[in-house]
Amino acid sequence: MNNISTRLLMSCAAIGVAGGVLFTAHALIGGLAVNTVPFLYGLTMGIYFLPGTLAQALFRRGGVGLLTSALAGLVSSPFQPIGFTAFLIGLGIGVMQEVPFLIGRYRYWKPWLFWVAGLVQGLLVSGAGFGILRGQDLTSFGAILVIASFFVSPPIFTAIALWLAGALDRAGVARGLRLDEDRRGRPDSAS
């Protein structure tokens, strides 16, 4: 994260704190949902991808997804039944969100790349969700419903993050912090 400013750090922290509040609410409500309506729990799992994707889409800078997701996990840790593991999950999600942009050396931020990342994350989350919810013990229809709900959740929250990033940018929140969408061919722009 070259050329980071206090304003950028504070903006990521604000998104991270808001994400931590969402994570905490999801954990508290999710415990009930996972035992009663597992597919509904799956549809809401993408909320963990919201803070990092929002920061990435808003600022288009390397490391902001990792920083924001990790902060969201850290903020929610004291209030979650899983404790410090929430921070580790946030950290893991942040790393996963950085990879597609790292491959392009943080110079290419087109919306389609966010969508591809969201779909790949959906695949990973659906596999984890199937294991966590013991999908093999469900009926065929129940297993398909659980897998599908976990799969579509990260792309749904990617759409929400992209919409929020656009709205926040139009409101001037990212003024002076947001970098160009395509910086390929500019050697001085690897930030």
N, C-alpha and C. Protein backbone atom coordinates (compact mmCIF):
# COMPACT_ATOMS: atom_id res chain seq x y z
N MET A 1 0.85 -1.17 0.00
CA MET A 1 0.00 0.00 0.00
C MET A 1 0.89 1.23 0.00
N ASN A 2 1.37 1.57 -1.17
CA ASN A 2 2.18 2.78 -1.31
C ASN A 2 1.28 4.01 -1.22
N ASN A 3 1.86 5.10 -0.81
CA ASN A 3 1.16 6.38 -0.78
C ASN A 3 -0.14 6.32 0.02
N ILE A 4 -0.08 5.72 1.19
CA ILE A 4 -1.28 5.69 2.02
C ILE A 4 -1.35 6.96 2.85
N SER A 5 -2.51 7.43 3.05
CA SER A 5 -2.71 8.64 3.84
C SER A 5 -3.55 8.31 5.06
N THR A 6 -3.53 9.20 6.00
CA THR A 6 -4.37 9.03 7.18
C THR A 6 -5.84 8.98 6.79
N ARG A 7 -6.21 9.78 5.82
CA ARG A 7 -7.60 9.81 5.37
C ARG A 7 -8.01 8.46 4.78
N LEU A 8 -7.11 7.83 4.01
CA LEU A 8 -7.41 6.52 3.44
C LEU A 8 -7.53 5.48 4.56
N LEU A 9 -6.61 5.51 5.50
CA LEU A 9 -6.67 4.58 6.62
C LEU A 9 -7.94 4.76 7.44
N MET A 10 -8.31 5.99 7.69
CA MET A 10 -9.53 6.27 8.47
C MET A 10 -10.78 5.85 7.69
N SER A 11 -10.76 6.02 6.39
CA SER A 11 -11.90 5.58 5.57
C SER A 11 -12.04 4.07 5.60
N CYS A 12 -10.91 3.37 5.49
CA CYS A 12 -10.94 1.90 5.59
C CYS A 12 -11.39 1.47 6.99
N ALA A 13 -10.94 2.19 8.00
CA ALA A 13 -11.34 1.86 9.38
C ALA A 13 -12.85 2.07 9.56
N ALA A 14 -13.39 3.13 9.01
CA ALA A 14 -14.83 3.37 9.13
C ALA A 14 -15.63 2.26 8.46
N ILE A 15 -15.19 1.85 7.27
CA ILE A 15 -15.87 0.75 6.57
C ILE A 15 -15.70 -0.54 7.37
N GLY A 16 -14.51 -0.74 7.93
CA GLY A 16 -14.25 -1.94 8.73
C GLY A 16 -15.10 -2.01 9.99
N VAL A 17 -15.25 -0.89 10.66
CA VAL A 17 -16.08 -0.86 11.87
C VAL A 17 -17.54 -1.15 11.51
N ALA A 18 -18.03 -0.53 10.46
CA ALA A 18 -19.41 -0.80 10.02
C ALA A 18 -19.56 -2.27 9.65
N GLY A 19 -18.55 -2.81 8.98
CA GLY A 19 -18.57 -4.23 8.64
C GLY A 19 -18.55 -5.11 9.88
N GLY A 20 -17.78 -4.71 10.89
CA GLY A 20 -17.74 -5.46 12.14
C GLY A 20 -19.09 -5.49 12.84
N VAL A 21 -19.81 -4.39 12.76
CA VAL A 21 -21.17 -4.36 13.34
C VAL A 21 -22.08 -5.33 12.56
N LEU A 22 -21.96 -5.32 11.24
CA LEU A 22 -22.75 -6.26 10.43
C LEU A 22 -22.37 -7.71 10.73
N PHE A 23 -21.07 -7.97 10.88
CA PHE A 23 -20.62 -9.33 11.19
C PHE A 23 -21.20 -9.80 12.51
N THR A 24 -21.20 -8.90 13.50
CA THR A 24 -21.71 -9.26 14.82
C THR A 24 -23.21 -9.56 14.75
N ALA A 25 -23.95 -8.71 14.07
CA ALA A 25 -25.39 -8.94 13.92
C ALA A 25 -25.64 -10.26 13.18
N HIS A 26 -24.86 -10.50 12.15
CA HIS A 26 -25.02 -11.74 11.39
C HIS A 26 -24.71 -12.96 12.25
N ALA A 27 -23.69 -12.88 13.06
CA ALA A 27 -23.34 -14.01 13.92
C ALA A 27 -24.43 -14.30 14.94
N LEU A 28 -25.01 -13.25 15.49
CA LEU A 28 -26.04 -13.44 16.50
C LEU A 28 -27.34 -13.98 15.90
N ILE A 29 -27.71 -13.45 14.77
CA ILE A 29 -28.94 -13.90 14.09
C ILE A 29 -28.67 -15.21 13.34
N GLY A 30 -27.46 -15.35 12.82
CA GLY A 30 -27.11 -16.53 12.03
C GLY A 30 -27.20 -17.82 12.82
N GLY A 31 -26.91 -17.77 14.12
CA GLY A 31 -27.01 -18.97 14.94
C GLY A 31 -28.41 -19.56 14.92
N LEU A 32 -29.39 -18.68 14.93
CA LEU A 32 -30.78 -19.13 14.85
C LEU A 32 -31.10 -19.64 13.45
N ALA A 33 -30.66 -18.89 12.44
CA ALA A 33 -30.97 -19.24 11.06
C ALA A 33 -30.32 -20.55 10.64
N VAL A 34 -29.09 -20.78 11.07
CA VAL A 34 -28.38 -21.99 10.63
C VAL A 34 -29.08 -23.25 11.13
N ASN A 35 -29.76 -23.17 12.24
CA ASN A 35 -30.45 -24.33 12.80
C ASN A 35 -31.90 -24.45 12.34
N THR A 36 -32.45 -23.38 11.79
CA THR A 36 -33.85 -23.43 11.39
C THR A 36 -34.02 -23.35 9.87
N VAL A 37 -33.34 -22.40 9.23
CA VAL A 37 -33.46 -22.20 7.79
C VAL A 37 -32.05 -22.06 7.20
N PRO A 38 -31.33 -23.18 7.01
CA PRO A 38 -29.93 -23.12 6.59
C PRO A 38 -29.69 -22.38 5.28
N PHE A 39 -30.63 -22.48 4.32
CA PHE A 39 -30.39 -21.79 3.06
C PHE A 39 -30.45 -20.27 3.24
N LEU A 40 -31.26 -19.79 4.18
CA LEU A 40 -31.31 -18.36 4.47
C LEU A 40 -29.98 -17.90 5.05
N TYR A 41 -29.40 -18.72 5.89
CA TYR A 41 -28.07 -18.44 6.43
C TYR A 41 -27.06 -18.35 5.28
N GLY A 42 -27.16 -19.26 4.33
CA GLY A 42 -26.27 -19.24 3.18
C GLY A 42 -26.41 -17.98 2.35
N LEU A 43 -27.64 -17.51 2.17
CA LEU A 43 -27.86 -16.29 1.39
C LEU A 43 -27.23 -15.06 2.04
N THR A 44 -27.05 -15.10 3.35
CA THR A 44 -26.50 -13.93 4.04
C THR A 44 -25.00 -14.03 4.31
N MET A 45 -24.37 -15.15 3.99
CA MET A 45 -22.94 -15.33 4.25
C MET A 45 -22.07 -14.34 3.48
N GLY A 46 -22.55 -13.87 2.36
CA GLY A 46 -21.79 -12.93 1.55
C GLY A 46 -21.53 -11.61 2.24
N ILE A 47 -22.21 -11.37 3.35
CA ILE A 47 -22.01 -10.12 4.09
C ILE A 47 -20.56 -9.98 4.53
N TYR A 48 -19.88 -11.11 4.71
CA TYR A 48 -18.47 -11.08 5.12
C TYR A 48 -17.56 -10.57 4.01
N PHE A 49 -18.05 -10.55 2.78
CA PHE A 49 -17.27 -10.05 1.66
C PHE A 49 -17.55 -8.58 1.36
N LEU A 50 -18.55 -8.02 2.01
CA LEU A 50 -18.98 -6.65 1.74
C LEU A 50 -17.94 -5.58 2.08
N PRO A 51 -17.38 -5.54 3.29
CA PRO A 51 -16.45 -4.44 3.62
C PRO A 51 -15.22 -4.39 2.72
N GLY A 52 -14.59 -5.54 2.49
CA GLY A 52 -13.39 -5.56 1.65
C GLY A 52 -13.67 -5.17 0.22
N THR A 53 -14.75 -5.71 -0.34
CA THR A 53 -15.11 -5.39 -1.72
C THR A 53 -15.48 -3.92 -1.84
N LEU A 54 -16.18 -3.39 -0.86
CA LEU A 54 -16.54 -1.97 -0.87
C LEU A 54 -15.29 -1.10 -0.88
N ALA A 55 -14.33 -1.41 -0.02
CA ALA A 55 -13.09 -0.62 0.03
C ALA A 55 -12.32 -0.72 -1.28
N GLN A 56 -12.24 -1.92 -1.83
CA GLN A 56 -11.53 -2.09 -3.10
C GLN A 56 -12.20 -1.33 -4.23
N ALA A 57 -13.51 -1.43 -4.33
CA ALA A 57 -14.24 -0.76 -5.40
C ALA A 57 -14.22 0.75 -5.24
N LEU A 58 -14.21 1.21 -4.00
CA LEU A 58 -14.24 2.65 -3.74
C LEU A 58 -12.89 3.30 -3.97
N PHE A 59 -11.81 2.66 -3.52
CA PHE A 59 -10.50 3.31 -3.58
C PHE A 59 -9.59 2.78 -4.67
N ARG A 60 -9.82 1.54 -5.14
CA ARG A 60 -9.00 0.93 -6.19
C ARG A 60 -7.51 0.96 -5.83
N ARG A 61 -7.21 0.48 -4.66
CA ARG A 61 -5.83 0.44 -4.17
C ARG A 61 -5.54 -0.93 -3.58
N GLY A 62 -4.33 -1.37 -3.75
CA GLY A 62 -3.91 -2.64 -3.20
C GLY A 62 -3.89 -2.62 -1.68
N GLY A 63 -4.33 -3.70 -1.08
CA GLY A 63 -4.29 -3.86 0.37
C GLY A 63 -5.50 -3.36 1.12
N VAL A 64 -6.35 -2.54 0.51
CA VAL A 64 -7.48 -1.98 1.25
C VAL A 64 -8.53 -3.05 1.57
N GLY A 65 -8.67 -4.05 0.71
CA GLY A 65 -9.61 -5.13 0.98
C GLY A 65 -9.16 -5.95 2.18
N LEU A 66 -7.89 -6.26 2.21
CA LEU A 66 -7.33 -7.01 3.33
C LEU A 66 -7.43 -6.22 4.63
N LEU A 67 -7.04 -4.97 4.59
CA LEU A 67 -7.09 -4.12 5.78
C LEU A 67 -8.51 -3.99 6.31
N THR A 68 -9.45 -3.71 5.44
CA THR A 68 -10.83 -3.47 5.85
C THR A 68 -11.49 -4.75 6.37
N SER A 69 -11.27 -5.86 5.69
CA SER A 69 -11.85 -7.13 6.15
C SER A 69 -11.26 -7.56 7.49
N ALA A 70 -9.95 -7.39 7.64
CA ALA A 70 -9.31 -7.75 8.90
C ALA A 70 -9.83 -6.88 10.04
N LEU A 71 -9.99 -5.58 9.79
CA LEU A 71 -10.53 -4.69 10.82
C LEU A 71 -11.96 -5.07 11.18
N ALA A 72 -12.76 -5.42 10.18
CA ALA A 72 -14.14 -5.83 10.46
C ALA A 72 -14.16 -7.08 11.33
N GLY A 73 -13.29 -8.04 11.03
CA GLY A 73 -13.21 -9.24 11.85
C GLY A 73 -12.73 -8.94 13.26
N LEU A 74 -11.77 -8.03 13.38
CA LEU A 74 -11.24 -7.66 14.69
C LEU A 74 -12.29 -6.95 15.54
N VAL A 75 -13.03 -6.04 14.92
CA VAL A 75 -14.07 -5.30 15.64
C VAL A 75 -15.16 -6.25 16.15
N SER A 76 -15.48 -7.26 15.35
CA SER A 76 -16.56 -8.16 15.74
C SER A 76 -16.11 -9.26 16.69
N SER A 77 -14.83 -9.51 16.79
CA SER A 77 -14.31 -10.63 17.60
C SER A 77 -14.84 -10.69 19.03
N PRO A 78 -14.84 -9.58 19.78
CA PRO A 78 -15.30 -9.69 21.17
C PRO A 78 -16.79 -10.03 21.31
N PHE A 79 -17.55 -9.83 20.26
CA PHE A 79 -19.00 -9.99 20.35
C PHE A 79 -19.50 -11.25 19.66
N GLN A 80 -18.60 -12.05 19.12
CA GLN A 80 -18.98 -13.24 18.38
C GLN A 80 -18.75 -14.49 19.22
N PRO A 81 -19.58 -15.49 19.05
CA PRO A 81 -19.36 -16.75 19.77
C PRO A 81 -18.03 -17.41 19.41
N ILE A 82 -17.50 -17.15 18.22
CA ILE A 82 -16.24 -17.77 17.80
C ILE A 82 -15.01 -16.94 18.22
N GLY A 83 -15.23 -15.80 18.84
CA GLY A 83 -14.14 -14.98 19.37
C GLY A 83 -13.12 -14.54 18.33
N PHE A 84 -11.84 -14.74 18.65
CA PHE A 84 -10.74 -14.26 17.81
C PHE A 84 -10.74 -14.92 16.44
N THR A 85 -11.40 -16.04 16.31
CA THR A 85 -11.48 -16.70 15.01
C THR A 85 -12.16 -15.79 13.99
N ALA A 86 -13.02 -14.89 14.44
CA ALA A 86 -13.68 -13.94 13.53
C ALA A 86 -12.64 -13.06 12.84
N PHE A 87 -11.61 -12.66 13.59
CA PHE A 87 -10.52 -11.88 12.99
C PHE A 87 -9.79 -12.71 11.94
N LEU A 88 -9.50 -13.96 12.26
CA LEU A 88 -8.79 -14.82 11.32
C LEU A 88 -9.61 -15.07 10.06
N ILE A 89 -10.93 -15.19 10.22
CA ILE A 89 -11.80 -15.36 9.06
C ILE A 89 -11.79 -14.08 8.22
N GLY A 90 -11.88 -12.92 8.87
CA GLY A 90 -11.79 -11.65 8.15
C GLY A 90 -10.48 -11.51 7.41
N LEU A 91 -9.41 -11.92 8.04
CA LEU A 91 -8.09 -11.87 7.42
C LEU A 91 -8.04 -12.79 6.20
N GLY A 92 -8.57 -14.00 6.34
CA GLY A 92 -8.59 -14.94 5.22
C GLY A 92 -9.43 -14.44 4.06
N ILE A 93 -10.56 -13.86 4.37
CA ILE A 93 -11.42 -13.30 3.32
C ILE A 93 -10.71 -12.14 2.62
N GLY A 94 -10.04 -11.30 3.40
CA GLY A 94 -9.29 -10.19 2.81
C GLY A 94 -8.20 -10.65 1.87
N VAL A 95 -7.48 -11.69 2.26
CA VAL A 95 -6.44 -12.25 1.38
C VAL A 95 -7.08 -12.76 0.10
N MET A 96 -8.19 -13.50 0.24
CA MET A 96 -8.88 -14.04 -0.92
C MET A 96 -9.34 -12.91 -1.86
N GLN A 97 -9.76 -11.79 -1.29
CA GLN A 97 -10.23 -10.68 -2.11
C GLN A 97 -9.09 -9.96 -2.82
N GLU A 98 -7.90 -9.97 -2.25
CA GLU A 98 -6.77 -9.28 -2.85
C GLU A 98 -6.18 -10.02 -4.04
N VAL A 99 -6.28 -11.36 -4.05
CA VAL A 99 -5.58 -12.17 -5.05
C VAL A 99 -5.89 -11.76 -6.50
N PRO A 100 -7.15 -11.60 -6.92
CA PRO A 100 -7.39 -11.26 -8.33
C PRO A 100 -6.74 -9.94 -8.75
N PHE A 101 -6.68 -9.02 -7.84
CA PHE A 101 -6.12 -7.70 -8.18
C PHE A 101 -4.60 -7.71 -8.06
N LEU A 102 -4.09 -8.54 -7.17
CA LEU A 102 -2.64 -8.71 -7.03
C LEU A 102 -2.06 -9.31 -8.30
N ILE A 103 -2.78 -10.26 -8.89
CA ILE A 103 -2.32 -10.88 -10.14
C ILE A 103 -2.10 -9.80 -11.20
N GLY A 104 -2.97 -8.82 -11.24
CA GLY A 104 -2.83 -7.71 -12.19
C GLY A 104 -1.98 -6.57 -11.65
N ARG A 105 -1.25 -6.82 -10.56
CA ARG A 105 -0.38 -5.84 -9.92
C ARG A 105 -1.15 -4.57 -9.52
N TYR A 106 -2.39 -4.74 -9.15
CA TYR A 106 -3.25 -3.66 -8.67
C TYR A 106 -3.38 -2.52 -9.68
N ARG A 107 -3.42 -2.87 -10.95
CA ARG A 107 -3.53 -1.84 -11.99
C ARG A 107 -4.82 -1.95 -12.78
N TYR A 108 -5.66 -2.93 -12.48
CA TYR A 108 -6.86 -3.17 -13.28
C TYR A 108 -8.03 -3.45 -12.33
N TRP A 109 -9.02 -2.56 -12.36
CA TRP A 109 -10.13 -2.61 -11.40
C TRP A 109 -11.49 -2.58 -12.08
N LYS A 110 -11.62 -3.19 -13.23
CA LYS A 110 -12.89 -3.20 -13.96
C LYS A 110 -13.94 -4.01 -13.18
N PRO A 111 -15.21 -3.64 -13.30
CA PRO A 111 -16.27 -4.36 -12.55
C PRO A 111 -16.32 -5.86 -12.83
N TRP A 112 -16.02 -6.28 -14.05
CA TRP A 112 -16.10 -7.71 -14.35
C TRP A 112 -15.15 -8.52 -13.48
N LEU A 113 -14.02 -7.92 -13.09
CA LEU A 113 -13.07 -8.63 -12.24
C LEU A 113 -13.64 -8.84 -10.83
N PHE A 114 -14.40 -7.87 -10.36
CA PHE A 114 -15.09 -8.04 -9.07
C PHE A 114 -16.11 -9.19 -9.16
N TRP A 115 -16.81 -9.26 -10.31
CA TRP A 115 -17.82 -10.31 -10.50
C TRP A 115 -17.17 -11.69 -10.55
N VAL A 116 -16.06 -11.82 -11.27
CA VAL A 116 -15.36 -13.10 -11.33
C VAL A 116 -14.88 -13.48 -9.93
N ALA A 117 -14.33 -12.52 -9.21
CA ALA A 117 -13.88 -12.78 -7.84
C ALA A 117 -15.05 -13.24 -6.97
N GLY A 118 -16.18 -12.58 -7.10
CA GLY A 118 -17.37 -12.95 -6.33
C GLY A 118 -17.85 -14.36 -6.64
N LEU A 119 -17.78 -14.76 -7.91
CA LEU A 119 -18.19 -16.11 -8.29
C LEU A 119 -17.23 -17.17 -7.75
N VAL A 120 -15.93 -16.89 -7.82
CA VAL A 120 -14.94 -17.82 -7.27
C VAL A 120 -15.13 -17.94 -5.75
N GLN A 121 -15.34 -16.81 -5.10
CA GLN A 121 -15.58 -16.83 -3.66
C GLN A 121 -16.86 -17.60 -3.35
N GLY A 122 -17.86 -17.47 -4.20
CA GLY A 122 -19.10 -18.22 -4.03
C GLY A 122 -18.86 -19.73 -4.10
N LEU A 123 -18.01 -20.15 -5.03
CA LEU A 123 -17.66 -21.57 -5.12
C LEU A 123 -17.00 -22.06 -3.84
N LEU A 124 -16.04 -21.28 -3.36
CA LEU A 124 -15.32 -21.67 -2.14
C LEU A 124 -16.25 -21.70 -0.93
N VAL A 125 -17.10 -20.70 -0.81
CA VAL A 125 -18.02 -20.61 0.32
C VAL A 125 -19.08 -21.72 0.25
N SER A 126 -19.53 -22.06 -0.95
CA SER A 126 -20.54 -23.11 -1.06
C SER A 126 -19.97 -24.46 -0.62
N GLY A 127 -18.71 -24.71 -0.96
CA GLY A 127 -18.08 -25.94 -0.48
C GLY A 127 -17.94 -25.96 1.03
N ALA A 128 -17.52 -24.83 1.59
CA ALA A 128 -17.39 -24.73 3.05
C ALA A 128 -18.76 -24.85 3.71
N GLY A 129 -19.76 -24.19 3.14
CA GLY A 129 -21.10 -24.24 3.71
C GLY A 129 -21.67 -25.65 3.70
N PHE A 130 -21.41 -26.39 2.62
CA PHE A 130 -21.88 -27.77 2.53
C PHE A 130 -21.25 -28.61 3.65
N GLY A 131 -19.97 -28.38 3.89
CA GLY A 131 -19.30 -29.12 4.96
C GLY A 131 -19.76 -28.72 6.34
N ILE A 132 -19.88 -27.42 6.58
CA ILE A 132 -20.26 -26.91 7.90
C ILE A 132 -21.68 -27.34 8.26
N LEU A 133 -22.58 -27.29 7.29
CA LEU A 133 -23.98 -27.63 7.55
C LEU A 133 -24.26 -29.12 7.33
N ARG A 134 -23.22 -29.91 7.17
CA ARG A 134 -23.36 -31.35 6.96
C ARG A 134 -24.36 -31.63 5.83
N GLY A 135 -24.06 -31.08 4.67
CA GLY A 135 -24.94 -31.23 3.51
C GLY A 135 -25.21 -32.67 3.13
N GLN A 136 -24.26 -33.56 3.45
CA GLN A 136 -24.47 -34.97 3.14
C GLN A 136 -25.62 -35.57 3.95
N ASP A 137 -25.99 -34.93 5.06
CA ASP A 137 -27.10 -35.42 5.88
C ASP A 137 -28.46 -34.85 5.44
N LEU A 138 -28.45 -33.90 4.52
CA LEU A 138 -29.69 -33.28 4.04
C LEU A 138 -30.28 -34.09 2.89
N THR A 139 -31.52 -33.81 2.58
CA THR A 139 -32.11 -34.40 1.38
C THR A 139 -31.42 -33.81 0.16
N SER A 140 -31.59 -34.41 -0.98
CA SER A 140 -30.96 -33.90 -2.21
C SER A 140 -31.38 -32.45 -2.47
N PHE A 141 -32.67 -32.19 -2.33
CA PHE A 141 -33.18 -30.83 -2.54
C PHE A 141 -32.57 -29.86 -1.52
N GLY A 142 -32.49 -30.27 -0.27
CA GLY A 142 -31.91 -29.43 0.77
C GLY A 142 -30.44 -29.15 0.52
N ALA A 143 -29.70 -30.16 0.08
CA ALA A 143 -28.27 -29.97 -0.21
C ALA A 143 -28.08 -29.01 -1.37
N ILE A 144 -28.89 -29.17 -2.41
CA ILE A 144 -28.80 -28.27 -3.57
C ILE A 144 -29.15 -26.85 -3.16
N LEU A 145 -30.17 -26.69 -2.35
CA LEU A 145 -30.59 -25.37 -1.89
C LEU A 145 -29.49 -24.70 -1.06
N VAL A 146 -28.86 -25.47 -0.18
CA VAL A 146 -27.77 -24.93 0.64
C VAL A 146 -26.59 -24.52 -0.23
N ILE A 147 -26.18 -25.39 -1.15
CA ILE A 147 -25.05 -25.08 -2.03
C ILE A 147 -25.37 -23.85 -2.87
N ALA A 148 -26.55 -23.80 -3.45
CA ALA A 148 -26.94 -22.66 -4.30
C ALA A 148 -26.97 -21.36 -3.51
N SER A 149 -27.51 -21.41 -2.29
CA SER A 149 -27.61 -20.17 -1.50
C SER A 149 -26.23 -19.66 -1.10
N PHE A 150 -25.33 -20.55 -0.73
CA PHE A 150 -23.98 -20.13 -0.40
C PHE A 150 -23.23 -19.64 -1.63
N PHE A 151 -23.51 -20.25 -2.79
CA PHE A 151 -22.83 -19.85 -4.03
C PHE A 151 -23.23 -18.45 -4.49
N VAL A 152 -24.53 -18.11 -4.40
CA VAL A 152 -24.98 -16.82 -4.92
C VAL A 152 -24.73 -15.67 -3.94
N SER A 153 -24.48 -15.97 -2.69
CA SER A 153 -24.35 -14.92 -1.70
C SER A 153 -23.18 -13.96 -1.94
N PRO A 154 -21.94 -14.43 -2.17
CA PRO A 154 -20.86 -13.47 -2.44
C PRO A 154 -21.11 -12.59 -3.68
N PRO A 155 -21.61 -13.14 -4.81
CA PRO A 155 -21.92 -12.23 -5.92
C PRO A 155 -23.01 -11.21 -5.59
N ILE A 156 -24.00 -11.60 -4.80
CA ILE A 156 -25.05 -10.65 -4.40
C ILE A 156 -24.44 -9.50 -3.60
N PHE A 157 -23.59 -9.83 -2.65
CA PHE A 157 -22.98 -8.79 -1.83
C PHE A 157 -21.89 -8.03 -2.60
N THR A 158 -21.33 -8.64 -3.64
CA THR A 158 -20.43 -7.91 -4.54
C THR A 158 -21.23 -6.82 -5.25
N ALA A 159 -22.43 -7.17 -5.71
CA ALA A 159 -23.28 -6.17 -6.37
C ALA A 159 -23.62 -5.03 -5.42
N ILE A 160 -23.94 -5.37 -4.18
CA ILE A 160 -24.25 -4.33 -3.19
C ILE A 160 -23.03 -3.45 -2.95
N ALA A 161 -21.85 -4.06 -2.84
CA ALA A 161 -20.63 -3.29 -2.61
C ALA A 161 -20.32 -2.37 -3.78
N LEU A 162 -20.49 -2.86 -5.00
CA LEU A 162 -20.23 -2.02 -6.18
C LEU A 162 -21.22 -0.85 -6.24
N TRP A 163 -22.47 -1.13 -5.89
CA TRP A 163 -23.48 -0.06 -5.87
C TRP A 163 -23.13 0.98 -4.80
N LEU A 164 -22.79 0.50 -3.60
CA LEU A 164 -22.42 1.42 -2.51
C LEU A 164 -21.18 2.23 -2.87
N ALA A 165 -20.19 1.60 -3.49
CA ALA A 165 -18.98 2.32 -3.88
C ALA A 165 -19.31 3.43 -4.87
N GLY A 166 -20.18 3.14 -5.82
CA GLY A 166 -20.59 4.17 -6.78
C GLY A 166 -21.31 5.32 -6.09
N ALA A 167 -22.20 4.98 -5.17
CA ALA A 167 -22.95 6.02 -4.45
C ALA A 167 -22.02 6.86 -3.58
N LEU A 168 -21.10 6.21 -2.88
CA LEU A 168 -20.16 6.95 -2.04
C LEU A 168 -19.21 7.81 -2.87
N ASP A 169 -18.82 7.31 -4.04
CA ASP A 169 -17.96 8.11 -4.92
C ASP A 169 -18.71 9.34 -5.44
N ARG A 170 -19.98 9.14 -5.82
CA ARG A 170 -20.78 10.29 -6.29
C ARG A 170 -20.98 11.31 -5.18
N ALA A 171 -21.00 10.85 -3.92
CA ALA A 171 -21.16 11.75 -2.78
C ALA A 171 -19.85 12.45 -2.42
N GLY A 172 -18.76 12.05 -3.07
CA GLY A 172 -17.47 12.71 -2.84
C GLY A 172 -16.62 12.09 -1.75
N VAL A 173 -17.02 10.95 -1.23
CA VAL A 173 -16.27 10.31 -0.15
C VAL A 173 -14.86 9.93 -0.60
N ALA A 174 -14.72 9.48 -1.84
CA ALA A 174 -13.42 9.00 -2.32
C ALA A 174 -12.62 10.07 -3.06
N ARG A 175 -13.08 11.30 -3.04
CA ARG A 175 -12.39 12.36 -3.77
C ARG A 175 -10.94 12.47 -3.31
N GLY A 176 -10.04 12.33 -4.24
CA GLY A 176 -8.62 12.42 -3.94
C GLY A 176 -8.02 11.10 -3.48
N LEU A 177 -8.84 10.10 -3.22
CA LEU A 177 -8.33 8.80 -2.78
C LEU A 177 -8.49 7.72 -3.85
N ARG A 178 -9.47 7.88 -4.70
CA ARG A 178 -9.80 6.86 -5.70
C ARG A 178 -8.85 6.97 -6.88
N LEU A 179 -8.27 5.84 -7.23
CA LEU A 179 -7.38 5.79 -8.38
C LEU A 179 -8.14 5.35 -9.62
N ASP A 180 -7.51 5.49 -10.78
CA ASP A 180 -8.14 5.13 -12.04
C ASP A 180 -8.48 3.65 -12.10
N GLU A 181 -9.50 3.33 -12.89
CA GLU A 181 -9.95 1.96 -13.04
C GLU A 181 -8.94 1.09 -13.79
N ASP A 182 -8.24 1.66 -14.75
CA ASP A 182 -7.27 0.92 -15.54
C ASP A 182 -5.97 1.72 -15.59
N ARG A 183 -4.97 1.20 -14.89
CA ARG A 183 -3.68 1.89 -14.81
C ARG A 183 -2.56 1.09 -15.47
N ARG A 184 -2.94 0.15 -16.31
CA ARG A 184 -1.92 -0.65 -17.00
C ARG A 184 -1.10 0.25 -17.91
N GLY A 185 0.18 -0.05 -18.01
CA GLY A 185 1.05 0.73 -18.89
C GLY A 185 1.62 1.94 -18.20
N ARG A 186 1.29 2.16 -16.94
CA ARG A 186 1.86 3.28 -16.20
C ARG A 186 2.72 2.70 -15.07
N PRO A 187 4.04 2.71 -15.25
CA PRO A 187 4.91 2.07 -14.26
C PRO A 187 4.87 2.72 -12.88
N ASP A 188 4.48 3.96 -12.80
CA ASP A 188 4.48 4.66 -11.51
C ASP A 188 3.16 4.50 -10.77
N SER A 189 2.27 3.65 -11.24
CA SER A 189 0.94 3.59 -10.64
C SER A 189 0.67 2.31 -9.86
N ALA A 190 1.68 1.59 -9.49
CA ALA A 190 1.48 0.33 -8.75
C ALA A 190 1.27 0.61 -7.27
N SER A 191 0.08 1.07 -6.94
CA SER A 191 -0.18 1.39 -5.52
C SER A 191 -1.19 0.48 -4.92
